Amino acid sequence: MTEPPAIGGPGGAMELAESEGGGLEGKGPRPGRKGSGKRARSLWSDAWHDLSRNPVFLIAGLLILFLVLISLWPGLIAGRDPLSCNLGRSLSPSSTGHWFGFDTQGCDVYTRVVHGARTSVTVGVCSTVGVAVLGSLLGGLAGFFGGTWDALISRLTDIFFGIPIVLGGLVFLSMTGSRSVWTVVSFIVLLGWPQVARIARGAVITAKQNDYVQAARALGASNTRMMVRHIMPNAVAPVIVTSTIALGTYIALEATLSYLGVGLQPPTISWGADISAASEGMQFRNAPHILLYPAAALSITVLAFIMLGDAVRDALDPKLR
């Protein structure tokens, strides 16, 4: 009578494999087994899969959603008129119904902070969209056509890169008569597009060298079709990442220009203008609340958009995976 081979021997290993998987070929995926037909996710679905599990993205998204809501409907949490002021209450501290106290003009600081979110979000979003569209258009033309187009747009980009954006704002906005939200947005778009254009140019140059673009060209696809259907969808990711991160920077830039006195003018409510008013005559030494709350709102808003941009960058950049 022969004894069965030991589990560790060749015969035992064979029998163990056959008993578990039905033969050596049973070790691999078998037809009908769950997950055998799973399709690979695209870049966007894979990025959303990562973002939905990223706590930084979720926290930043909730903060931004709250900012958008109070920008659209500030009366939900602040029912008073932000322009209704009473000099008799100038620099009064916080009290019941007036949680942040009053500023130098006797205006309710809480109400002005809430209504100031609309200005910051509007400037940030509109500037980002304008910069992304203009920069992508010029950078895409330079990268796709090359030659004279590339040389001309690249040299124009270098010229605008040499203009300090804050100094340019001091000169440009001081020459305008009325400085509204759209004036500030136009200035940011005018000087903010070169960075996006340079990134879009490099992404388009990389994308147009792919085999599927060459195949579409060989099949007689027009330049417009290749650009819209094949190149831009694969070159837009770095533009989105850059624009998302820059959005917080544009909000801070608007506040900086308003603080310097060349930004938004009354009756437009701006956190930067309120910070500037609090700094006049060092009034915040006696009443720190007039500086603390607008500055805190500005810092939290900029931080939220920067956190969102970092999370989007980590999700869309394959090198960071």
Protein backbone atom coordinates (compact mmCIF):
# COMPACT_ATOMS: atom_id res chain seq x y z
CA MET A 1 0.00 0.00 0.00
CA THR A 2 1.49 3.29 -1.09
CA GLU A 3 1.19 6.39 1.08
CA PRO A 4 -0.17 9.64 -0.41
CA PRO A 5 2.52 12.14 -1.26
CA ALA A 6 3.24 14.90 1.25
CA ILE A 7 1.58 18.22 0.76
CA GLY A 8 4.94 19.89 0.25
CA GLY A 9 6.03 17.44 -2.49
CA PRO A 10 5.41 17.72 -6.19
CA GLY A 11 2.48 15.34 -6.15
CA GLY A 12 0.88 17.10 -3.19
CA ALA A 13 1.25 20.49 -4.82
CA MET A 14 -0.40 19.17 -7.97
CA GLU A 15 -3.31 17.65 -6.06
CA LEU A 16 -3.76 20.84 -3.99
CA ALA A 17 -3.83 22.98 -7.12
CA GLU A 18 -6.30 20.66 -8.82
CA SER A 19 -8.56 20.55 -5.77
CA GLU A 20 -8.66 24.36 -5.49
CA GLY A 21 -8.74 25.50 -9.09
CA GLY A 22 -9.64 22.38 -11.09
CA GLY A 23 -6.15 21.92 -12.60
CA LEU A 24 -3.19 24.18 -13.23
CA GLU A 25 -5.18 26.24 -15.62
CA GLY A 26 -7.68 26.91 -12.84
CA LYS A 27 -5.29 29.34 -11.17
CA GLY A 28 -6.07 32.11 -13.65
CA PRO A 29 -9.39 33.89 -14.14
CA ARG A 30 -12.07 31.52 -15.38
CA PRO A 31 -15.02 32.33 -17.64
CA GLY A 32 -18.01 33.47 -15.64
CA ARG A 33 -15.95 34.46 -12.62
CA LYS A 34 -16.86 37.86 -11.18
CA GLY A 35 -14.61 40.67 -12.39
CA SER A 36 -13.32 38.84 -15.46
CA GLY A 37 -15.06 41.29 -17.80
CA LYS A 38 -14.28 44.47 -15.86
CA ARG A 39 -13.38 47.39 -18.12
CA ALA A 40 -10.58 49.81 -17.34
CA ARG A 41 -11.74 53.22 -16.15
CA SER A 42 -11.06 56.31 -18.23
CA LEU A 43 -8.91 59.17 -16.96
CA TRP A 44 -11.94 61.18 -15.84
CA SER A 45 -13.77 58.31 -14.13
CA ASP A 46 -10.54 57.23 -12.47
CA ALA A 47 -9.92 60.80 -11.30
CA TRP A 48 -13.44 61.06 -9.87
CA HIS A 49 -12.96 57.72 -8.13
CA ASP A 50 -9.89 59.14 -6.39
CA LEU A 51 -11.45 62.52 -5.64
CA SER A 52 -14.56 61.03 -4.05
CA ARG A 53 -12.31 59.24 -1.55
CA ASN A 54 -9.98 62.17 -0.88
CA PRO A 55 -10.85 63.94 2.41
CA VAL A 56 -9.05 67.11 1.28
CA PHE A 57 -11.29 67.33 -1.79
CA LEU A 58 -14.44 66.64 0.24
CA ILE A 59 -13.66 69.31 2.84
CA ALA A 60 -12.69 71.88 0.21
CA GLY A 61 -15.76 71.00 -1.84
CA LEU A 62 -18.11 71.52 1.11
CA LEU A 63 -16.52 74.89 1.92
CA ILE A 64 -16.78 76.02 -1.71
CA LEU A 65 -20.38 74.80 -1.94
CA PHE A 66 -21.21 76.86 1.16
CA LEU A 67 -19.48 79.91 -0.35
CA VAL A 68 -21.41 79.53 -3.59
CA LEU A 69 -24.72 79.25 -1.75
CA ILE A 70 -24.17 82.39 0.33
CA SER A 71 -22.90 84.17 -2.78
CA LEU A 72 -26.14 83.44 -4.59
CA TRP A 73 -28.45 83.90 -1.61
CA PRO A 74 -26.69 85.89 1.13
CA GLY A 75 -30.04 86.58 2.78
CA LEU A 76 -30.18 82.95 3.95
CA ILE A 77 -27.81 83.72 6.81
CA ALA A 78 -27.61 87.54 6.78
CA GLY A 79 -30.91 89.34 6.45
CA ARG A 80 -29.69 92.89 7.09
CA ASP A 81 -28.70 95.48 4.52
CA PRO A 82 -24.86 95.61 4.30
CA LEU A 83 -25.00 99.29 3.31
CA SER A 84 -27.14 100.30 6.29
CA CYS A 85 -24.72 101.99 8.71
CA ASN A 86 -25.02 103.97 11.93
CA LEU A 87 -22.07 106.08 13.01
CA GLY A 88 -23.34 105.93 16.58
CA ARG A 89 -22.28 102.27 16.65
CA SER A 90 -18.83 102.82 15.14
CA LEU A 91 -16.29 100.21 16.31
CA SER A 92 -18.80 98.68 18.74
CA PRO A 93 -17.90 95.12 19.75
CA SER A 94 -19.99 92.04 19.07
CA SER A 95 -23.42 91.80 20.66
CA THR A 96 -26.62 89.81 20.39
CA GLY A 97 -27.73 89.88 16.75
CA HIS A 98 -24.46 91.50 15.65
CA TRP A 99 -22.00 88.66 16.06
CA PHE A 100 -18.97 90.37 14.49
CA GLY A 101 -19.54 93.88 15.82
CA PHE A 102 -19.47 97.10 13.76
CA ASP A 103 -16.81 98.73 11.59
CA THR A 104 -15.59 102.33 11.51
CA GLN A 105 -18.69 103.48 9.60
CA GLY A 106 -21.06 101.67 11.95
CA CYS A 107 -21.86 98.92 9.44
CA ASP A 108 -22.54 95.38 10.61
CA VAL A 109 -19.32 93.42 9.99
CA TYR A 110 -21.05 90.04 9.84
CA THR A 111 -23.43 91.18 7.12
CA ARG A 112 -20.61 92.70 5.08
CA VAL A 113 -18.48 89.55 5.39
CA VAL A 114 -21.36 87.40 4.13
CA HIS A 115 -22.19 89.72 1.22
CA GLY A 116 -18.50 90.09 0.37
CA ALA A 117 -18.37 86.41 -0.59
CA ARG A 118 -20.36 87.17 -3.76
CA THR A 119 -17.70 89.57 -5.01
CA SER A 120 -14.79 87.22 -4.32
CA VAL A 121 -16.45 84.14 -5.84
CA THR A 122 -17.60 86.11 -8.91
CA VAL A 123 -14.15 87.56 -9.54
CA GLY A 124 -12.43 84.21 -8.98
CA VAL A 125 -14.72 82.09 -11.15
CA CYS A 126 -15.12 84.58 -14.01
CA SER A 127 -11.38 85.33 -14.10
CA THR A 128 -10.53 81.64 -14.13
CA VAL A 129 -12.94 80.89 -16.98
CA GLY A 130 -11.67 83.84 -19.02
CA VAL A 131 -8.01 82.97 -18.44
CA ALA A 132 -8.60 79.30 -19.26
CA VAL A 133 -10.48 80.04 -22.50
CA LEU A 134 -8.06 82.70 -23.78
CA GLY A 135 -4.93 80.84 -22.71
CA SER A 136 -6.13 77.51 -24.14
CA LEU A 137 -7.08 79.14 -27.44
CA LEU A 138 -3.75 80.92 -27.95
CA GLY A 139 -1.64 78.06 -26.56
CA GLY A 140 -3.56 75.50 -28.62
CA LEU A 141 -3.02 77.47 -31.83
CA ALA A 142 0.70 77.81 -31.10
CA GLY A 143 1.15 74.14 -30.31
CA PHE A 144 -0.96 72.78 -33.16
CA PHE A 145 0.19 74.91 -36.08
CA GLY A 146 3.74 75.71 -34.93
CA GLY A 147 5.97 77.78 -37.19
CA THR A 148 5.05 81.46 -37.39
CA TRP A 149 2.03 81.04 -35.12
CA ASP A 150 4.15 79.41 -32.44
CA ALA A 151 6.91 82.02 -32.66
CA LEU A 152 4.48 84.96 -32.57
CA ILE A 153 2.38 83.71 -29.65
CA SER A 154 5.44 82.53 -27.70
CA ARG A 155 7.08 85.95 -27.95
CA LEU A 156 3.80 87.64 -26.96
CA THR A 157 3.63 85.30 -23.96
CA ASP A 158 7.16 86.25 -22.93
CA ILE A 159 6.25 89.94 -23.06
CA PHE A 160 3.24 89.49 -20.78
CA PHE A 161 5.26 87.28 -18.44
CA GLY A 162 7.60 90.22 -17.90
CA ILE A 163 4.81 92.42 -16.48
CA PRO A 164 4.41 92.10 -12.68
CA ILE A 165 0.72 91.50 -12.17
CA VAL A 166 0.33 93.65 -9.05
CA LEU A 167 2.31 96.54 -10.57
CA GLY A 168 0.33 96.14 -13.78
CA GLY A 169 -2.88 96.31 -11.75
CA LEU A 170 -1.77 99.54 -10.07
CA VAL A 171 -1.11 101.14 -13.45
CA PHE A 172 -4.02 99.69 -15.41
CA LEU A 173 -6.78 100.11 -12.83
CA SER A 174 -5.66 103.58 -11.76
CA MET A 175 -6.26 104.72 -15.35
CA THR A 176 -9.85 103.50 -15.45
CA GLY A 177 -12.70 105.72 -14.40
CA SER A 178 -14.99 103.23 -12.67
CA ARG A 179 -13.58 100.05 -11.19
CA SER A 180 -16.33 97.45 -11.12
CA VAL A 181 -16.16 93.67 -10.80
CA TRP A 182 -15.92 93.27 -14.57
CA THR A 183 -13.10 95.80 -14.80
CA VAL A 184 -11.05 93.76 -12.33
CA VAL A 185 -11.96 90.51 -14.13
CA SER A 186 -10.87 91.98 -17.47
CA PHE A 187 -7.53 93.03 -16.00
CA ILE A 188 -6.87 89.57 -14.50
CA VAL A 189 -7.72 87.87 -17.80
CA LEU A 190 -5.48 90.31 -19.68
CA LEU A 191 -2.40 89.49 -17.59
CA GLY A 192 -3.25 85.98 -16.42
CA TRP A 193 -3.51 84.02 -19.68
CA PRO A 194 0.24 83.48 -20.44
CA GLN A 195 0.72 80.69 -17.87
CA VAL A 196 -2.27 78.72 -19.17
CA ALA A 197 -1.18 79.35 -22.77
CA ARG A 198 2.27 77.90 -22.13
CA ILE A 199 0.83 74.80 -20.46
CA ALA A 200 -1.79 74.34 -23.20
CA ARG A 201 0.89 74.67 -25.88
CA GLY A 202 3.01 71.91 -24.35
CA ALA A 203 -0.01 69.63 -23.86
CA VAL A 204 -1.14 70.08 -27.47
CA ILE A 205 2.35 69.41 -28.83
CA THR A 206 2.47 66.18 -26.84
CA ALA A 207 -1.05 65.10 -27.83
CA LYS A 208 -0.69 65.74 -31.57
CA GLN A 209 2.25 63.31 -31.74
CA ASN A 210 0.10 60.36 -30.66
CA ASP A 211 -0.69 57.61 -33.15
CA TYR A 212 -4.44 58.17 -33.16
CA VAL A 213 -3.93 61.81 -34.24
CA GLN A 214 -1.59 60.73 -37.05
CA ALA A 215 -4.15 58.11 -38.12
CA ALA A 216 -6.92 60.73 -38.19
CA ARG A 217 -4.69 63.00 -40.28
CA ALA A 218 -3.97 60.13 -42.70
CA LEU A 219 -7.70 59.48 -43.06
CA GLY A 220 -8.23 63.08 -44.15
CA ALA A 221 -9.61 64.62 -40.94
CA SER A 222 -9.65 68.40 -40.97
CA ASN A 223 -7.61 70.48 -38.55
CA THR A 224 -10.76 71.55 -36.72
CA ARG A 225 -11.93 67.97 -36.27
CA MET A 226 -8.54 66.79 -35.05
CA MET A 227 -8.32 69.68 -32.62
CA VAL A 228 -11.83 69.31 -31.23
CA ARG A 229 -12.25 65.54 -31.26
CA HIS A 230 -8.76 64.18 -30.63
CA ILE A 231 -6.31 66.73 -29.27
CA MET A 232 -8.14 69.07 -26.89
CA PRO A 233 -9.94 66.32 -24.88
CA ASN A 234 -6.53 64.79 -24.17
CA ALA A 235 -4.76 68.10 -23.51
CA VAL A 236 -7.34 69.79 -21.28
CA ALA A 237 -6.38 68.03 -18.01
CA PRO A 238 -3.28 70.15 -17.22
CA VAL A 239 -5.23 73.31 -18.08
CA ILE A 240 -7.97 72.35 -15.61
CA VAL A 241 -5.40 71.65 -12.89
CA THR A 242 -3.61 74.97 -13.40
CA SER A 243 -6.83 76.98 -13.58
CA THR A 244 -8.28 75.38 -10.44
CA ILE A 245 -5.18 76.19 -8.41
CA ALA A 246 -5.03 79.74 -9.83
CA LEU A 247 -8.63 80.48 -8.86
CA GLY A 248 -7.70 81.08 -5.23
CA THR A 249 -4.81 83.27 -6.37
CA TYR A 250 -7.18 85.48 -8.37
CA ILE A 251 -9.39 85.97 -5.32
CA ALA A 252 -6.36 87.01 -3.29
CA LEU A 253 -5.26 89.33 -6.13
CA GLU A 254 -8.61 91.12 -6.14
CA ALA A 255 -8.37 91.61 -2.38
CA THR A 256 -4.80 92.89 -2.74
CA LEU A 257 -5.77 95.45 -5.38
CA SER A 258 -8.75 96.58 -3.31
CA TYR A 259 -6.49 96.90 -0.27
CA LEU A 260 -4.10 99.08 -2.29
CA GLY A 261 -6.98 101.34 -3.28
CA VAL A 262 -7.11 100.54 -7.01
CA GLY A 263 -9.55 97.65 -6.85
CA LEU A 264 -13.29 97.67 -6.37
CA GLN A 265 -15.01 100.88 -5.38
CA PRO A 266 -18.07 101.46 -3.15
CA PRO A 267 -20.85 100.54 -3.10
CA THR A 268 -19.35 97.19 -4.13
CA ILE A 269 -18.59 95.17 -1.00
CA SER A 270 -15.16 93.55 -0.93
CA TRP A 271 -13.16 91.83 1.77
CA GLY A 272 -10.03 93.60 0.54
CA ALA A 273 -11.70 97.01 0.78
CA ASP A 274 -12.89 96.24 4.32
CA ILE A 275 -9.38 95.15 5.32
CA SER A 276 -8.02 98.37 3.85
CA ALA A 277 -10.57 100.44 5.76
CA ALA A 278 -9.66 98.64 8.98
CA SER A 279 -5.98 99.45 8.42
CA GLU A 280 -6.52 103.19 8.00
CA GLY A 281 -5.31 104.99 11.09
CA MET A 282 -4.56 101.63 12.73
CA GLN A 283 -8.18 101.39 13.84
CA PHE A 284 -7.84 97.64 14.28
CA ARG A 285 -5.64 98.20 17.35
CA ASN A 286 -8.66 99.37 19.31
CA ALA A 287 -11.17 97.14 17.50
CA PRO A 288 -9.40 94.06 16.11
CA HIS A 289 -12.69 92.50 14.98
CA ILE A 290 -12.97 94.89 12.01
CA LEU A 291 -9.80 93.34 10.56
CA LEU A 292 -9.98 89.80 11.89
CA TYR A 293 -13.25 88.63 10.36
CA PRO A 294 -12.79 89.88 6.75
CA ALA A 295 -9.21 88.59 6.76
CA ALA A 296 -10.31 85.19 8.11
CA ALA A 297 -13.05 84.89 5.47
CA LEU A 298 -10.56 85.75 2.72
CA SER A 299 -7.97 83.28 4.02
CA ILE A 300 -10.47 80.42 4.35
CA THR A 301 -11.83 81.03 0.83
CA VAL A 302 -8.39 81.12 -0.79
CA LEU A 303 -7.30 78.05 1.18
CA ALA A 304 -10.41 76.12 0.10
CA PHE A 305 -9.80 76.74 -3.60
CA ILE A 306 -6.08 75.93 -3.29
CA MET A 307 -6.93 72.67 -1.51
CA LEU A 308 -9.41 71.86 -4.28
CA GLY A 309 -6.77 72.56 -6.92
CA ASP A 310 -4.20 70.36 -5.18
CA ALA A 311 -6.67 67.49 -4.96
CA VAL A 312 -7.61 67.81 -8.64
CA ARG A 313 -3.91 67.91 -9.59
CA ASP A 314 -3.19 64.73 -7.64
CA ALA A 315 -6.13 62.97 -9.30
CA LEU A 316 -5.42 64.04 -12.89
CA ASP A 317 -1.62 63.80 -12.94
CA PRO A 318 -0.59 60.14 -13.55
CA LYS A 319 2.94 60.88 -12.30
CA LEU A 320 1.61 61.57 -8.80
CA ARG A 321 -0.26 58.27 -8.49
